PDB file of N, CA and C in Angstrom:
ATOM      1  N   MET A   1     184.698 165.084  16.038  1.00  0.00           N
ATOM      2  CA  MET A   1     185.666 165.580  16.970  1.00  0.00           C
ATOM      3  C   MET A   1     185.265 166.996  17.355  1.00  0.00           C
ATOM      4  N   ARG A   2     185.346 167.286  18.617  1.00  0.00           N
ATOM      5  CA  ARG A   2     184.921 168.583  19.130  1.00  0.00           C
ATOM      6  C   ARG A   2     186.165 169.424  19.449  1.00  0.00           C
ATOM      7  N   VAL A   3     186.225 170.670  18.996  1.00  0.00           N
ATOM      8  CA  VAL A   3     187.342 171.588  19.238  1.00  0.00           C
ATOM      9  C   VAL A   3     186.925 172.561  20.319  1.00  0.00           C
ATOM     10  N   ALA A   4     187.806 172.758  21.308  1.00  0.00           N
ATOM     11  CA  ALA A   4     187.509 173.699  22.384  1.00  0.00           C
ATOM     12  C   ALA A   4     187.537 175.106  21.828  1.00  0.00           C
ATOM     13  N   SER A   5     186.529 175.848  22.141  1.00  0.00           N
ATOM     14  CA  SER A   5     186.485 177.217  21.647  1.00  0.00           C
ATOM     15  C   SER A   5     187.190 178.135  22.639  1.00  0.00           C
ATOM     16  N   ALA A   6     187.917 179.076  22.105  1.00  0.00           N
ATOM     17  CA  ALA A   6     188.636 180.043  22.937  1.00  0.00           C
ATOM     18  C   ALA A   6     187.741 181.243  23.165  1.00  0.00           C
ATOM     19  N   THR A   7     187.701 181.661  24.393  1.00  0.00           N
ATOM     20  CA  THR A   7     186.920 182.844  24.680  1.00  0.00           C
ATOM     21  C   THR A   7     187.837 184.043  24.745  1.00  0.00           C
ATOM     22  N   VAL A   8     187.421 185.106  24.101  1.00  0.00           N
ATOM     23  CA  VAL A   8     188.203 186.333  24.062  1.00  0.00           C
ATOM     24  C   VAL A   8     187.425 187.385  24.839  1.00  0.00           C
ATOM     25  N   ARG A   9     188.126 188.025  25.766  1.00  0.00           N
ATOM     26  CA  ARG A   9     187.453 189.062  26.512  1.00  0.00           C
ATOM     27  C   ARG A   9     188.136 190.393  26.246  1.00  0.00           C
ATOM     28  N   ALA A  10     187.419 191.441  26.398  1.00  0.00           N
ATOM     29  CA  ALA A  10     187.949 192.778  26.156  1.00  0.00           C
ATOM     30  C   ALA A  10     188.909 193.166  27.278  1.00  0.00           C
ATOM     31  N   VAL A  11     189.918 193.919  26.918  1.00  0.00           N
ATOM     32  CA  VAL A  11     190.917 194.387  27.876  1.00  0.00           C
ATOM     33  C   VAL A  11     190.571 195.836  28.212  1.00  0.00           C
ATOM     34  N   SER A  12     190.534 196.128  29.501  1.00  0.00           N
ATOM     35  CA  SER A  12     190.172 197.488  29.910  1.00  0.00           C
ATOM     36  C   SER A  12     191.371 198.430  29.757  1.00  0.00           C
ATOM     37  N   VAL A  13     191.086 199.706  29.835  1.00  0.00           N
ATOM     38  CA  VAL A  13     192.128 200.730  29.721  1.00  0.00           C
ATOM     39  C   VAL A  13     193.114 200.619  30.884  1.00  0.00           C
ATOM     40  N   VAL A  14     192.627 200.324  32.065  1.00  0.00           N
ATOM     41  CA  VAL A  14     193.492 200.195  33.236  1.00  0.00           C
ATOM     42  C   VAL A  14     194.465 199.035  33.052  1.00  0.00           C
ATOM     43  N   GLU A  15     194.007 197.928  32.543  1.00  0.00           N
ATOM     44  CA  GLU A  15     194.890 196.779  32.303  1.00  0.00           C
ATOM     45  C   GLU A  15     195.926 197.100  31.228  1.00  0.00           C
ATOM     46  N   THR A  16     195.511 197.815  30.211  1.00  0.00           N
ATOM     47  CA  THR A  16     196.440 198.199  29.148  1.00  0.00           C
ATOM     48  C   THR A  16     197.532 199.121  29.678  1.00  0.00           C
ATOM     49  N   VAL A  17     197.146 200.103  30.460  1.00  0.00           N
ATOM     50  CA  VAL A  17     198.136 201.027  31.046  1.00  0.00           C
ATOM     51  C   VAL A  17     199.071 200.274  31.983  1.00  0.00           C
ATOM     52  N   ALA A  18     198.535 199.345  32.747  1.00  0.00           N
ATOM     53  CA  ALA A  18     199.373 198.571  33.666  1.00  0.00           C
ATOM     54  C   ALA A  18     200.410 197.763  32.905  1.00  0.00           C
ATOM     55  N   VAL A  19     200.008 197.134  31.818  1.00  0.00           N
ATOM     56  CA  VAL A  19     200.937 196.288  31.064  1.00  0.00           C
ATOM     57  C   VAL A  19     201.964 197.120  30.310  1.00  0.00           C
ATOM     58  N   PHE A  20     201.530 198.196  29.660  1.00  0.00           N
ATOM     59  CA  PHE A  20     202.433 198.948  28.791  1.00  0.00           C
ATOM     60  C   PHE A  20     203.125 200.121  29.459  1.00  0.00           C
ATOM     61  N   ALA A  21     202.734 200.517  30.661  1.00  0.00           N
ATOM     62  CA  ALA A  21     203.360 201.661  31.319  1.00  0.00           C
ATOM     63  C   ALA A  21     203.887 201.322  32.710  1.00  0.00           C
ATOM     64  N   LEU A  22     203.046 200.813  33.572  1.00  0.00           N
ATOM     65  CA  LEU A  22     203.458 200.611  34.971  1.00  0.00           C
ATOM     66  C   LEU A  22     204.492 199.501  35.138  1.00  0.00           C
ATOM     67  N   ILE A  23     204.318 198.395  34.460  1.00  0.00           N
ATOM     68  CA  ILE A  23     205.292 197.296  34.597  1.00  0.00           C
ATOM     69  C   ILE A  23     206.665 197.719  34.064  1.00  0.00           C
ATOM     70  N   PRO A  24     206.783 198.316  32.866  1.00  0.00           N
ATOM     71  CA  PRO A  24     208.111 198.785  32.426  1.00  0.00           C
ATOM     72  C   PRO A  24     208.705 199.846  33.353  1.00  0.00           C
ATOM     73  N   LEU A  25     207.869 200.767  33.867  1.00  0.00           N
ATOM     74  CA  LEU A  25     208.384 201.771  34.800  1.00  0.00           C
ATOM     75  C   LEU A  25     208.898 201.124  36.081  1.00  0.00           C
ATOM     76  N   ALA A  26     208.241 200.098  36.550  1.00  0.00           N
ATOM     77  CA  ALA A  26     208.711 199.388  37.744  1.00  0.00           C
ATOM     78  C   ALA A  26     210.046 198.704  37.470  1.00  0.00           C
ATOM     79  N   ILE A  27     210.202 198.123  36.302  1.00  0.00           N
ATOM     80  CA  ILE A  27     211.472 197.472  35.948  1.00  0.00           C
ATOM     81  C   ILE A  27     212.585 198.509  35.870  1.00  0.00           C
ATOM     82  N   TYR A  28     212.341 199.638  35.216  1.00  0.00           N
ATOM     83  CA  TYR A  28     213.349 200.706  35.152  1.00  0.00           C
ATOM     84  C   TYR A  28     213.678 201.249  36.537  1.00  0.00           C
ATOM     85  N   GLY A  29     212.673 201.354  37.402  1.00  0.00           N
ATOM     86  CA  GLY A  29     212.924 201.823  38.765  1.00  0.00           C
ATOM     87  C   GLY A  29     213.813 200.877  39.543  1.00  0.00           C
ATOM     88  N   VAL A  30     213.585 199.581  39.403  1.00  0.00           N
ATOM     89  CA  VAL A  30     214.434 198.598  40.091  1.00  0.00           C
ATOM     90  C   VAL A  30     215.862 198.663  39.566  1.00  0.00           C
ATOM     91  N   ILE A  31     216.033 198.770  38.260  1.00  0.00           N
ATOM     92  CA  ILE A  31     217.382 198.873  37.685  1.00  0.00           C
ATOM     93  C   ILE A  31     218.066 200.151  38.157  1.00  0.00           C
ATOM     94  N   THR A  32     217.337 201.252  38.208  1.00  0.00           N
ATOM     95  CA  THR A  32     217.909 202.518  38.687  1.00  0.00           C
ATOM     96  C   THR A  32     218.354 202.411  40.131  1.00  0.00           C
ATOM     97  N   LEU A  33     217.536 201.825  40.978  1.00  0.00           N
ATOM     98  CA  LEU A  33     217.924 201.657  42.385  1.00  0.00           C
ATOM     99  C   LEU A  33     219.132 200.753  42.539  1.00  0.00           C
ATOM    100  N   MET A  34     219.213 199.708  41.720  1.00  0.00           N
ATOM    101  CA  MET A  34     220.365 198.805  41.804  1.00  0.00           C
ATOM    102  C   MET A  34     221.657 199.502  41.391  1.00  0.00           C
ATOM    103  N   THR A  35     221.598 200.405  40.420  1.00  0.00           N
ATOM    104  CA  THR A  35     222.813 201.089  39.982  1.00  0.00           C
ATOM    105  C   THR A  35     223.195 202.231  40.908  1.00  0.00           C
ATOM    106  N   LEU A  36     222.222 202.880  41.540  1.00  0.00           N
ATOM    107  CA  LEU A  36     222.535 204.010  42.416  1.00  0.00           C
ATOM    108  C   LEU A  36     222.759 203.605  43.871  1.00  0.00           C
ATOM    109  N   TRP A  37     222.452 202.385  44.245  1.00  0.00           N
ATOM    110  CA  TRP A  37     222.573 201.944  45.637  1.00  0.00           C
ATOM    111  C   TRP A  37     223.986 202.146  46.188  1.00  0.00           C
ATOM    112  N   PRO A  38     225.066 201.779  45.472  1.00  0.00           N
ATOM    113  CA  PRO A  38     226.406 202.003  46.035  1.00  0.00           C
ATOM    114  C   PRO A  38     226.695 203.479  46.305  1.00  0.00           C
ATOM    115  N   LYS A  39     226.170 204.368  45.490  1.00  0.00           N
ATOM    116  CA  LYS A  39     226.399 205.803  45.686  1.00  0.00           C
ATOM    117  C   LYS A  39     225.721 206.280  46.970  1.00  0.00           C
ATOM    118  N   PHE A  40     224.546 205.763  47.253  1.00  0.00           N
ATOM    119  CA  PHE A  40     223.815 206.178  48.442  1.00  0.00           C
ATOM    120  C   PHE A  40     224.421 205.605  49.722  1.00  0.00           C
ATOM    121  N   THR A  41     225.027 204.428  49.652  1.00  0.00           N
ATOM    122  CA  THR A  41     225.565 203.778  50.844  1.00  0.00           C
ATOM    123  C   THR A  41     227.013 204.144  51.114  1.00  0.00           C
ATOM    124  N   ARG A  42     227.666 204.860  50.218  1.00  0.00           N
ATOM    125  CA  ARG A  42     229.064 205.237  50.371  1.00  0.00           C
ATOM    126  C   ARG A  42     229.205 206.341  51.419  1.00  0.00           C
ATOM    127  N   GLY A  43     230.339 206.361  52.082  1.00  0.00           N
ATOM    128  CA  GLY A  43     230.605 207.396  53.074  1.00  0.00           C
ATOM    129  C   GLY A  43     230.892 208.735  52.410  1.00  0.00           C
ATOM    130  N   PRO A  44     231.102 209.753  53.207  1.00  0.00           N
ATOM    131  CA  PRO A  44     231.381 211.073  52.632  1.00  0.00           C
ATOM    132  C   PRO A  44     232.719 211.079  51.891  1.00  0.00           C
ATOM    133  N   ARG A  45     232.774 211.830  50.813  1.00  0.00           N
ATOM    134  CA  ARG A  45     233.979 211.905  49.995  1.00  0.00           C
ATOM    135  C   ARG A  45     234.905 213.007  50.503  1.00  0.00           C
ATOM    136  N   TYR A  46     236.186 212.847  50.216  1.00  0.00           N
ATOM    137  CA  TYR A  46     237.157 213.887  50.530  1.00  0.00           C
ATOM    138  C   TYR A  46     237.083 214.957  49.447  1.00  0.00           C
ATOM    139  N   ARG A  47     237.051 216.179  49.858  1.00  0.00           N
ATOM    140  CA  ARG A  47     237.068 217.319  48.935  1.00  0.00           C
ATOM    141  C   ARG A  47     238.325 218.133  49.212  1.00  0.00           C
ATOM    142  N   PRO A  48     238.941 218.688  48.180  1.00  0.00           N
ATOM    143  CA  PRO A  48     240.136 219.506  48.390  1.00  0.00           C
ATOM    144  C   PRO A  48     239.872 220.629  49.375  1.00  0.00           C
ATOM    145  N   GLY A  49     240.804 220.829  50.278  1.00  0.00           N
ATOM    146  CA  GLY A  49     240.676 221.854  51.294  1.00  0.00           C
ATOM    147  C   GLY A  49     240.197 221.319  52.629  1.00  0.00           C
ATOM    148  N   GLN A  50     239.659 220.116  52.657  1.00  0.00           N
ATOM    149  CA  GLN A  50     239.227 219.523  53.916  1.00  0.00           C
ATOM    150  C   GLN A  50     240.432 218.949  54.654  1.00  0.00           C
ATOM    151  N   GLU A  51     240.287 218.798  55.953  1.00  0.00           N
ATOM    152  CA  GLU A  51     241.327 218.158  56.741  1.00  0.00           C
ATOM    153  C   GLU A  51     241.389 216.678  56.392  1.00  0.00           C
ATOM    154  N   TRP A  52     242.619 216.145  56.308  1.00  0.00           N
ATOM    155  CA  TRP A  52     242.804 214.723  56.054  1.00  0.00           C
ATOM    156  C   TRP A  52     242.941 214.036  57.400  1.00  0.00           C
ATOM    157  N   GLU A  53     242.004 213.160  57.719  1.00  0.00           N
ATOM    158  CA  GLU A  53     241.929 212.570  59.044  1.00  0.00           C
ATOM    159  C   GLU A  53     242.511 211.166  59.119  1.00  0.00           C
ATOM    160  N   TYR A  54     243.239 210.726  58.106  1.00  0.00           N
ATOM    161  CA  TYR A  54     243.710 209.352  58.055  1.00  0.00           C
ATOM    162  C   TYR A  54     245.231 209.306  58.078  1.00  0.00           C
ATOM    163  N   GLU A  55     245.766 208.157  58.457  1.00  0.00           N
ATOM    164  CA  GLU A  55     247.208 207.954  58.447  1.00  0.00           C
ATOM    165  C   GLU A  55     247.708 207.925  57.004  1.00  0.00           C
ATOM    166  N   PRO A  56     248.937 208.421  56.745  1.00  0.00           N
ATOM    167  CA  PRO A  56     249.461 208.352  55.385  1.00  0.00           C
ATOM    168  C   PRO A  56     249.796 206.903  55.007  1.00  0.00           C
ATOM    169  N   VAL A  57     249.577 206.569  53.763  1.00  0.00           N
ATOM    170  CA  VAL A  57     249.890 205.248  53.243  1.00  0.00           C
ATOM    171  C   VAL A  57     250.944 205.440  52.162  1.00  0.00           C
ATOM    172  N   TRP A  58     252.092 204.858  52.364  1.00  0.00           N
ATOM    173  CA  TRP A  58     253.177 204.981  51.400  1.00  0.00           C
ATOM    174  C   TRP A  58     253.092 203.815  50.436  1.00  0.00           C
ATOM    175  N   TRP A  59     253.178 204.089  49.151  1.00  0.00           N
ATOM    176  CA  TRP A  59     253.071 203.067  48.129  1.00  0.00           C
ATOM    177  C   TRP A  59     254.311 203.110  47.265  1.00  0.00           C
ATOM    178  N   THR A  60     254.804 201.936  46.894  1.00  0.00           N
ATOM    179  CA  THR A  60     255.917 201.844  45.974  1.00  0.00           C
ATOM    180  C   THR A  60     255.671 200.677  45.036  1.00  0.00           C
ATOM    181  N   ALA A  61     256.082 200.827  43.802  1.00  0.00           N
ATOM    182  CA  ALA A  61     255.905 199.761  42.825  1.00  0.00           C
ATOM    183  C   ALA A  61     256.926 198.652  43.032  1.00  0.00           C
ATOM    184  N   ASN A  62     258.034 198.959  43.698  1.00  0.00           N
ATOM    185  CA  ASN A  62     259.084 197.976  43.918  1.00  0.00           C
ATOM    186  C   ASN A  62     259.439 197.954  45.395  1.00  0.00           C
ATOM    187  N   PRO A  63     258.733 197.164  46.217  1.00  0.00           N
ATOM    188  CA  PRO A  63     259.022 197.153  47.646  1.00  0.00           C
ATOM    189  C   PRO A  63     260.434 196.674  47.965  1.00  0.00           C
ATOM    190  N   ALA A  64     261.011 195.804  47.113  1.00  0.00           N
ATOM    191  CA  ALA A  64     262.362 195.307  47.359  1.00  0.00           C
ATOM    192  C   ALA A  64     263.393 196.424  47.195  1.00  0.00           C
ATOM    193  N   GLY A  65     263.132 197.370  46.317  1.00  0.00           N
ATOM    194  CA  GLY A  65     264.078 198.442  46.064  1.00  0.00           C
ATOM    195  C   GLY A  65     263.814 199.681  46.881  1.00  0.00           C
ATOM    196  N   LEU A  66     263.054 199.529  47.941  1.00  0.00           N
ATOM    197  CA  LEU A  66     262.684 200.674  48.757  1.00  0.00           C
ATOM    198  C   LEU A  66     263.888 201.320  49.420  1.00  0.00           C
ATOM    199  N   GLY A  67     264.843 200.509  49.838  1.00  0.00           N
ATOM    200  CA  GLY A  67     266.017 201.049  50.522  1.00  0.00           C
ATOM    201  C   GLY A  67     267.111 201.495  49.565  1.00  0.00           C
ATOM    202  N   ALA A  68     267.035 201.084  48.299  1.00  0.00           N
ATOM    203  CA  ALA A  68     268.078 201.443  47.336  1.00  0.00           C
ATOM    204  C   ALA A  68     267.942 202.904  46.945  1.00  0.00           C
ATOM    205  N   SER A  69     269.065 203.573  46.844  1.00  0.00           N
ATOM    206  CA  SER A  69     269.035 204.974  46.422  1.00  0.00           C
ATOM    207  C   SER A  69     269.624 205.082  45.027  1.00  0.00           C
ATOM    208  N   THR A  70     269.145 206.054  44.283  1.00  0.00           N
ATOM    209  CA  THR A  70     269.657 206.290  42.939  1.00  0.00           C
ATOM    210  C   THR A  70     270.223 207.697  42.892  1.00  0.00           C
ATOM    211  N   ALA A  71     271.305 207.823  42.208  1.00  0.00           N
ATOM    212  CA  ALA A  71     271.947 209.132  42.077  1.00  0.00           C
ATOM    213  C   ALA A  71     271.330 209.869  40.900  1.00  0.00           C
ATOM    214  N   ALA A  72     271.068 211.134  41.076  1.00  0.00           N
ATOM    215  CA  ALA A  72     270.501 211.940  40.007  1.00  0.00           C
ATOM    216  C   ALA A  72     271.590 212.311  39.016  1.00  0.00           C
ATOM    217  N   VAL A  73     271.246 212.260  37.734  1.00  0.00           N
ATOM    218  CA  VAL A  73     272.177 212.632  36.679  1.00  0.00           C
ATOM    219  C   VAL A  73     271.745 213.990  36.156  1.00  0.00           C
ATOM    220  N   PRO A  74     272.638 214.980  36.156  1.00  0.00           N
ATOM    221  CA  PRO A  74     272.267 216.301  35.641  1.00  0.00           C
ATOM    222  C   PRO A  74     271.858 216.238  34.180  1.00  0.00           C
ATOM    223  N   ALA A  75     271.026 217.166  33.743  1.00  0.00           N
ATOM    224  CA  ALA A  75     270.559 217.189  32.361  1.00  0.00           C
ATOM    225  C   ALA A  75     271.715 217.402  31.414  1.00  0.00           C
ATOM    226  N   GLY A  76     271.699 216.682  30.307  1.00  0.00           N
ATOM    227  CA  GLY A  76     272.746 216.807  29.316  1.00  0.00           C
ATOM    228  C   GLY A  76     273.921 215.874  29.554  1.00  0.00           C
ATOM    229  N   GLU A  77     274.045 215.323  30.721  1.00  0.00           N
ATOM    230  CA  GLU A  77     275.125 214.389  31.012  1.00  0.00           C
ATOM    231  C   GLU A  77     274.567 212.978  31.005  1.00  0.00           C
ATOM    232  N   THR A  78     275.467 212.026  30.895  1.00  0.00           N
ATOM    233  CA  THR A  78     275.040 210.634  30.915  1.00  0.00           C
ATOM    234  C   THR A  78     275.668 209.947  32.110  1.00  0.00           C
ATOM    235  N   GLY A  79     275.019 208.875  32.517  1.00  0.00           N
ATOM    236  CA  GLY A  79     275.561 208.082  33.607  1.00  0.00           C
ATOM    237  C   GLY A  79     276.728 207.252  33.105  1.00  0.00           C
ATOM    238  N   ALA A  80     277.212 206.345  33.910  1.00  0.00           N
ATOM    239  CA  ALA A  80     278.364 205.515  33.554  1.00  0.00           C
ATOM    240  C   ALA A  80     278.013 204.599  32.397  1.00  0.00           C
ATOM    241  N   GLY A  81     278.545 204.885  31.213  1.00  0.00           N
ATOM    242  CA  GLY A  81     278.364 204.022  30.056  1.00  0.00           C
ATOM    243  C   GLY A  81     276.986 204.101  29.417  1.00  0.00           C
ATOM    244  N   VAL A  82     276.177 205.071  29.768  1.00  0.00           N
ATOM    245  CA  VAL A  82     274.842 205.197  29.182  1.00  0.00           C
ATOM    246  C   VAL A  82     274.913 206.265  28.099  1.00  0.00           C
ATOM    247  N   PRO A  83     274.534 205.923  26.861  1.00  0.00           N
ATOM    248  CA  PRO A  83     274.598 206.927  25.791  1.00  0.00           C
ATOM    249  C   PRO A  83     273.548 208.016  26.005  1.00  0.00           C
ATOM    250  N   ALA A  84     273.851 209.201  25.518  1.00  0.00           N
ATOM    251  CA  ALA A  84     272.918 210.323  25.644  1.00  0.00           C
ATOM    252  C   ALA A  84     271.706 210.083  24.752  1.00  0.00           C
ATOM    253  N   ALA A  85     270.553 210.486  25.202  1.00  0.00           N
ATOM    254  CA  ALA A  85     269.332 210.318  24.424  1.00  0.00           C
ATOM    255  C   ALA A  85     269.305 211.342  23.301  1.00  0.00           C
ATOM    256  N   THR A  86     269.016 210.869  22.090  1.00  0.00           N
ATOM    257  CA  THR A  86     268.964 211.769  20.938  1.00  0.00           C
ATOM    258  C   THR A  86     267.558 211.881  20.369  1.00  0.00           C
ATOM    259  N   ALA A  87     266.645 211.085  20.845  1.00  0.00           N
ATOM    260  CA  ALA A  87     265.284 211.107  20.305  1.00  0.00           C
ATOM    261  C   ALA A  87     264.520 212.308  20.816  1.00  0.00           C
ATOM    262  N   ARG A  88     263.700 212.868  19.929  1.00  0.00           N
ATOM    263  CA  ARG A  88     262.829 213.959  20.318  1.00  0.00           C
ATOM    264  C   ARG A  88     261.401 213.485  20.177  1.00  0.00           C
ATOM    265  N   GLY A  89     260.533 214.063  20.916  1.00  0.00           N
ATOM    266  CA  GLY A  89     259.137 213.683  20.808  1.00  0.00           C
ATOM    267  C   GLY A  89     258.311 214.596  21.688  1.00  0.00           C
ATOM    268  N   GLY A  90     257.102 214.245  21.826  1.00  0.00           N
ATOM    269  CA  GLY A  90     256.244 215.032  22.698  1.00  0.00           C
ATOM    270  C   GLY A  90     254.798 214.730  22.434  1.00  0.00           C
ATOM    271  N   ALA A  91     253.953 215.408  23.166  1.00  0.00           N
ATOM    272  CA  ALA A  91     252.528 215.171  23.050  1.00  0.00           C
ATOM    273  C   ALA A  91     251.978 215.696  21.714  1.00  0.00           C
ATOM    274  N   ARG A  92     252.663 216.642  21.105  1.00  0.00           N
ATOM    275  CA  ARG A  92     252.173 217.213  19.850  1.00  0.00           C
ATOM    276  C   ARG A  92     252.729 216.488  18.640  1.00  0.00           C
ATOM    277  N   GLY A  93     253.584 215.515  18.842  1.00  0.00           N
ATOM    278  CA  GLY A  93     254.099 214.752  17.744  1.00  0.00           C
ATOM    279  C   GLY A  93     255.222 215.437  16.981  1.00  0.00           C
ATOM    280  N   ASN A  94     255.963 216.337  17.628  1.00  0.00           N
ATOM    281  CA  ASN A  94     257.101 216.957  16.979  1.00  0.00           C
ATOM    282  C   ASN A  94     258.280 216.010  17.052  1.00  0.00           C
ATOM    283  N   TRP A  95     258.465 215.279  15.983  1.00  0.00           N
ATOM    284  CA  TRP A  95     259.539 214.288  15.990  1.00  0.00           C
ATOM    285  C   TRP A  95     260.680 214.866  15.244  1.00  0.00           C
TER     286      TRP A  95
END
């Protein structure tokens, strides 16, 4: 039975650099362009102090209650049948 012999050839420095440097750099470049593409194609951003050139957009979490009005309750008083709040708290955790 005859076995096919494998021929091994030497790899040049240029081929080595291409495989271990240029191909990975090309892959990283494509990934970088894909992630930065939306930033490059976006329009100019609004900066504080610039003129606002657009119509105002009013937003509400409850469109059905847009016409309903609520009466303000002064501090320290309670509304009709609502007990006064006794809990204390805050961002610093003073309970």
